[in-house]
Structure formats: structure tokens, C-alpha cells
Amino acid sequence: MKKLIFIYFITVFSFGLYPNSEILKECKTEQKEFCSSVKGAKAKVVQCLLDNESELSGDCKISLKSSFKKLRSTKSSNCRNDIDQYCKWIVPGGGRILKCLFENEENLSSECKKTLNEL
């Protein structure tokens, strides 16, 4: 179960590599409303959307869920060791692992940083 939850949150990093991301299209209104002050990687925008999940439109929620299902990739391995080192005590869910990675961004491996910065 932990591996499935791990993959779920790490796919957040993967979808941003696709320039016409379905999530970013379907959640454009929510991005402007809730996340306009978010700067940096697209993964931070997704984190903001997850933080405001109860306020999202149905289309945006559906887009988030379907994209997470579609995008299971090897990119998840780029941050696996960092999660084990910095976030192993974090209970998965609610974007907590993603938040942990951003809180430890300065200490992350170059592979994980690259994945975050590509988003």
C-alpha cells in the first residue's frame, strides 16, 4: 500500500513534463483563483491545487485523478531515495510527501531536484 501511495504522489512530478498537461488545462480557473501566487515548478501548482481540493471544480478533480492514474513512470524513482531519507516518517496522503520534498529541496539529490525543476 505504501508503494502505491508513493507512486501516486511522485506522479505529480511526472505530469509536468508534458507541456499540454490536461491538469493545467482543466484547472486553469482554479490556478488563477487559488494558486496565482505560486511560483516555480508546476509540481508546486499541483500541490496548491491539492491543498484546495475541496474547492476544485468537478472537471479539475477528474483531471487530477485521471492524470495520476495515467502517469506512472520511471520518474518516480528519481526521488525515491530522497523520500526514504527525508520523508520516511511522513504519513502519505493529502500531499504531505510532496510538501516534505519541497521543504527539503536544498538537500535533495540532483536527480530529484532536476525532476522538480523540469516541472
C-alpha atoms as a PDB file:
ATOM      1  CA  MET A   1       0.000   0.000   0.000  1.00  0.00           C
ATOM      2  CA  LYS A   2       2.828   2.414   0.829  1.00  0.00           C
ATOM      3  CA  LYS A   3       4.328   1.857  -2.621  1.00  0.00           C
ATOM      4  CA  LEU A   4       1.029   2.715  -4.317  1.00  0.00           C
ATOM      5  CA  ILE A   5       0.685   5.896  -2.300  1.00  0.00           C
ATOM      6  CA  PHE A   6       4.309   6.745  -3.035  1.00  0.00           C
ATOM      7  CA  ILE A   7       3.742   6.321  -6.769  1.00  0.00           C
ATOM      8  CA  TYR A   8       0.571   8.413  -6.547  1.00  0.00           C
ATOM      9  CA  PHE A   9       2.395  11.446  -5.169  1.00  0.00           C
ATOM     10  CA  ILE A  10       5.506  11.098  -7.256  1.00  0.00           C
ATOM     11  CA  THR A  11       3.419  11.082 -10.432  1.00  0.00           C
ATOM     12  CA  VAL A  12       2.729  14.689  -9.539  1.00  0.00           C
ATOM     13  CA  PHE A  13       6.305  15.332 -10.630  1.00  0.00           C
ATOM     14  CA  SER A  14       5.905  13.402 -13.855  1.00  0.00           C
ATOM     15  CA  PHE A  15       2.885  15.035 -15.407  1.00  0.00           C
ATOM     16  CA  GLY A  16       4.526  18.433 -15.579  1.00  0.00           C
ATOM     17  CA  LEU A  17       6.952  17.133 -18.162  1.00  0.00           C
ATOM     18  CA  TYR A  18       4.129  17.167 -20.706  1.00  0.00           C
ATOM     19  CA  PRO A  19       3.714  20.737 -21.931  1.00  0.00           C
ATOM     20  CA  ASN A  20      -0.006  20.410 -22.732  1.00  0.00           C
ATOM     21  CA  SER A  21      -0.832  18.886 -19.406  1.00  0.00           C
ATOM     22  CA  GLU A  22      -4.509  18.029 -19.087  1.00  0.00           C
ATOM     23  CA  ILE A  23      -4.466  19.068 -15.445  1.00  0.00           C
ATOM     24  CA  LEU A  24      -3.167  22.524 -16.181  1.00  0.00           C
ATOM     25  CA  LYS A  25      -5.829  22.993 -18.861  1.00  0.00           C
ATOM     26  CA  GLU A  26      -8.771  21.702 -16.839  1.00  0.00           C
ATOM     27  CA  CYS A  27      -7.746  23.542 -13.682  1.00  0.00           C
ATOM     28  CA  LYS A  28      -6.882  26.903 -15.220  1.00  0.00           C
ATOM     29  CA  THR A  29      -9.637  28.761 -13.349  1.00  0.00           C
ATOM     30  CA  GLU A  30      -8.656  27.153 -10.049  1.00  0.00           C
ATOM     31  CA  GLN A  31      -4.999  28.008 -10.657  1.00  0.00           C
ATOM     32  CA  LYS A  32      -5.881  31.664 -11.050  1.00  0.00           C
ATOM     33  CA  GLU A  33      -8.213  31.674  -8.063  1.00  0.00           C
ATOM     34  CA  PHE A  34      -6.204  29.662  -5.535  1.00  0.00           C
ATOM     35  CA  CYS A  35      -2.638  29.447  -6.827  1.00  0.00           C
ATOM     36  CA  SER A  36      -1.850  32.730  -8.588  1.00  0.00           C
ATOM     37  CA  SER A  37       0.923  33.492  -6.100  1.00  0.00           C
ATOM     38  CA  VAL A  38       2.631  30.112  -6.583  1.00  0.00           C
ATOM     39  CA  LYS A  39       5.949  30.476  -8.391  1.00  0.00           C
ATOM     40  CA  GLY A  40       8.323  27.841  -9.679  1.00  0.00           C
ATOM     41  CA  ALA A  41       7.771  24.247 -10.690  1.00  0.00           C
ATOM     42  CA  LYS A  42       4.415  23.036 -11.962  1.00  0.00           C
ATOM     43  CA  ALA A  43       4.502  20.473  -9.178  1.00  0.00           C
ATOM     44  CA  LYS A  44       4.072  23.363  -6.741  1.00  0.00           C
ATOM     45  CA  VAL A  45       0.932  24.397  -8.617  1.00  0.00           C
ATOM     46  CA  VAL A  46      -0.371  20.848  -8.310  1.00  0.00           C
ATOM     47  CA  GLN A  47       0.443  20.908  -4.609  1.00  0.00           C
ATOM     48  CA  CYS A  48      -1.546  24.128  -4.303  1.00  0.00           C
ATOM     49  CA  LEU A  49      -4.463  22.527  -6.150  1.00  0.00           C
ATOM     50  CA  LEU A  50      -4.307  19.519  -3.833  1.00  0.00           C
ATOM     51  CA  ASP A  51      -4.282  21.858  -0.838  1.00  0.00           C
ATOM     52  CA  ASN A  52      -7.528  23.353  -2.158  1.00  0.00           C
ATOM     53  CA  GLU A  53      -9.072  20.093  -3.365  1.00  0.00           C
ATOM     54  CA  SER A  54     -12.403  20.679  -1.635  1.00  0.00           C
ATOM     55  CA  GLU A  55     -12.834  23.911  -3.629  1.00  0.00           C
ATOM     56  CA  LEU A  56     -11.991  22.483  -7.069  1.00  0.00           C
ATOM     57  CA  SER A  57     -14.495  22.043  -9.870  1.00  0.00           C
ATOM     58  CA  GLY A  58     -15.575  18.551 -10.836  1.00  0.00           C
ATOM     59  CA  ASP A  59     -13.652  18.711 -14.119  1.00  0.00           C
ATOM     60  CA  CYS A  60     -10.470  19.740 -12.343  1.00  0.00           C
ATOM     61  CA  LYS A  61     -10.787  16.935  -9.772  1.00  0.00           C
ATOM     62  CA  ILE A  62     -11.450  14.381 -12.511  1.00  0.00           C
ATOM     63  CA  SER A  63      -8.449  15.644 -14.454  1.00  0.00           C
ATOM     64  CA  LEU A  64      -6.186  15.357 -11.410  1.00  0.00           C
ATOM     65  CA  LYS A  65      -7.301  11.805 -10.689  1.00  0.00           C
ATOM     66  CA  SER A  66      -7.119  10.573 -14.287  1.00  0.00           C
ATOM     67  CA  SER A  67      -3.689  12.090 -14.826  1.00  0.00           C
ATOM     68  CA  PHE A  68      -2.328  10.440 -11.689  1.00  0.00           C
ATOM     69  CA  LYS A  69      -3.572   7.092 -12.975  1.00  0.00           C
ATOM     70  CA  LYS A  70      -2.078   7.578 -16.452  1.00  0.00           C
ATOM     71  CA  LEU A  71       1.333   8.804 -15.484  1.00  0.00           C
ATOM     72  CA  ARG A  72       3.087   6.006 -13.694  1.00  0.00           C
ATOM     73  CA  SER A  73       6.619   6.364 -14.949  1.00  0.00           C
ATOM     74  CA  THR A  74      10.219   5.709 -14.084  1.00  0.00           C
ATOM     75  CA  LYS A  75      10.476   9.342 -12.986  1.00  0.00           C
ATOM     76  CA  SER A  76       9.147   8.189  -9.624  1.00  0.00           C
ATOM     77  CA  SER A  77      12.491   6.524  -8.953  1.00  0.00           C
ATOM     78  CA  ASN A  78      14.297   9.867  -9.224  1.00  0.00           C
ATOM     79  CA  CYS A  79      13.106  10.899  -5.763  1.00  0.00           C
ATOM     80  CA  ARG A  80      12.735   7.502  -4.096  1.00  0.00           C
ATOM     81  CA  ASN A  81      15.985   7.726  -2.098  1.00  0.00           C
ATOM     82  CA  ASP A  82      15.233  11.314  -1.092  1.00  0.00           C
ATOM     83  CA  ILE A  83      11.813  10.308   0.176  1.00  0.00           C
ATOM     84  CA  ASP A  84      13.379   7.450   2.115  1.00  0.00           C
ATOM     85  CA  GLN A  85      15.962   9.800   3.612  1.00  0.00           C
ATOM     86  CA  TYR A  86      13.931  12.942   4.345  1.00  0.00           C
ATOM     87  CA  CYS A  87      10.291  11.899   4.354  1.00  0.00           C
ATOM     88  CA  LYS A  88      10.173   8.314   5.601  1.00  0.00           C
ATOM     89  CA  TRP A  89       8.219   9.286   8.723  1.00  0.00           C
ATOM     90  CA  ILE A  90       5.649  11.281   6.767  1.00  0.00           C
ATOM     91  CA  VAL A  91       2.244   9.635   6.585  1.00  0.00           C
ATOM     92  CA  PRO A  92       1.255   9.592   2.891  1.00  0.00           C
ATOM     93  CA  GLY A  93      -1.870  11.422   1.881  1.00  0.00           C
ATOM     94  CA  GLY A  94      -3.015  14.961   1.392  1.00  0.00           C
ATOM     95  CA  GLY A  95       0.170  15.904  -0.446  1.00  0.00           C
ATOM     96  CA  ARG A  96       2.331  15.551   2.668  1.00  0.00           C
ATOM     97  CA  ILE A  97       5.168  13.732   0.878  1.00  0.00           C
ATOM     98  CA  LEU A  98       5.259  16.369  -1.819  1.00  0.00           C
ATOM     99  CA  LYS A  99       5.355  19.095   0.830  1.00  0.00           C
ATOM    100  CA  CYS A 100       8.189  17.264   2.572  1.00  0.00           C
ATOM    101  CA  LEU A 101      10.232  17.182  -0.634  1.00  0.00           C
ATOM    102  CA  PHE A 102       9.754  20.900  -1.174  1.00  0.00           C
ATOM    103  CA  GLU A 103      10.692  21.612   2.443  1.00  0.00           C
ATOM    104  CA  ASN A 104      13.929  19.659   1.917  1.00  0.00           C
ATOM    105  CA  GLU A 105      14.583  20.889  -1.621  1.00  0.00           C
ATOM    106  CA  GLU A 106      18.069  22.216  -0.791  1.00  0.00           C
ATOM    107  CA  ASN A 107      19.176  18.760   0.389  1.00  0.00           C
ATOM    108  CA  LEU A 108      17.692  16.644  -2.401  1.00  0.00           C
ATOM    109  CA  SER A 109      19.736  14.624  -4.873  1.00  0.00           C
ATOM    110  CA  SER A 110      20.495  16.223  -8.214  1.00  0.00           C
ATOM    111  CA  GLU A 111      18.164  13.729  -9.945  1.00  0.00           C
ATOM    112  CA  CYS A 112      15.246  14.613  -7.718  1.00  0.00           C
ATOM    113  CA  LYS A 113      15.976  18.349  -7.970  1.00  0.00           C
ATOM    114  CA  LYS A 114      16.116  18.030 -11.737  1.00  0.00           C
ATOM    115  CA  THR A 115      12.754  16.287 -11.769  1.00  0.00           C
ATOM    116  CA  LEU A 116      11.263  19.041  -9.622  1.00  0.00           C
ATOM    117  CA  ASN A 117      12.806  21.788 -11.744  1.00  0.00           C
ATOM    118  CA  GLU A 118      11.650  20.272 -15.033  1.00  0.00           C
ATOM    119  CA  LEU A 119       8.051  20.584 -13.947  1.00  0.00           C
END
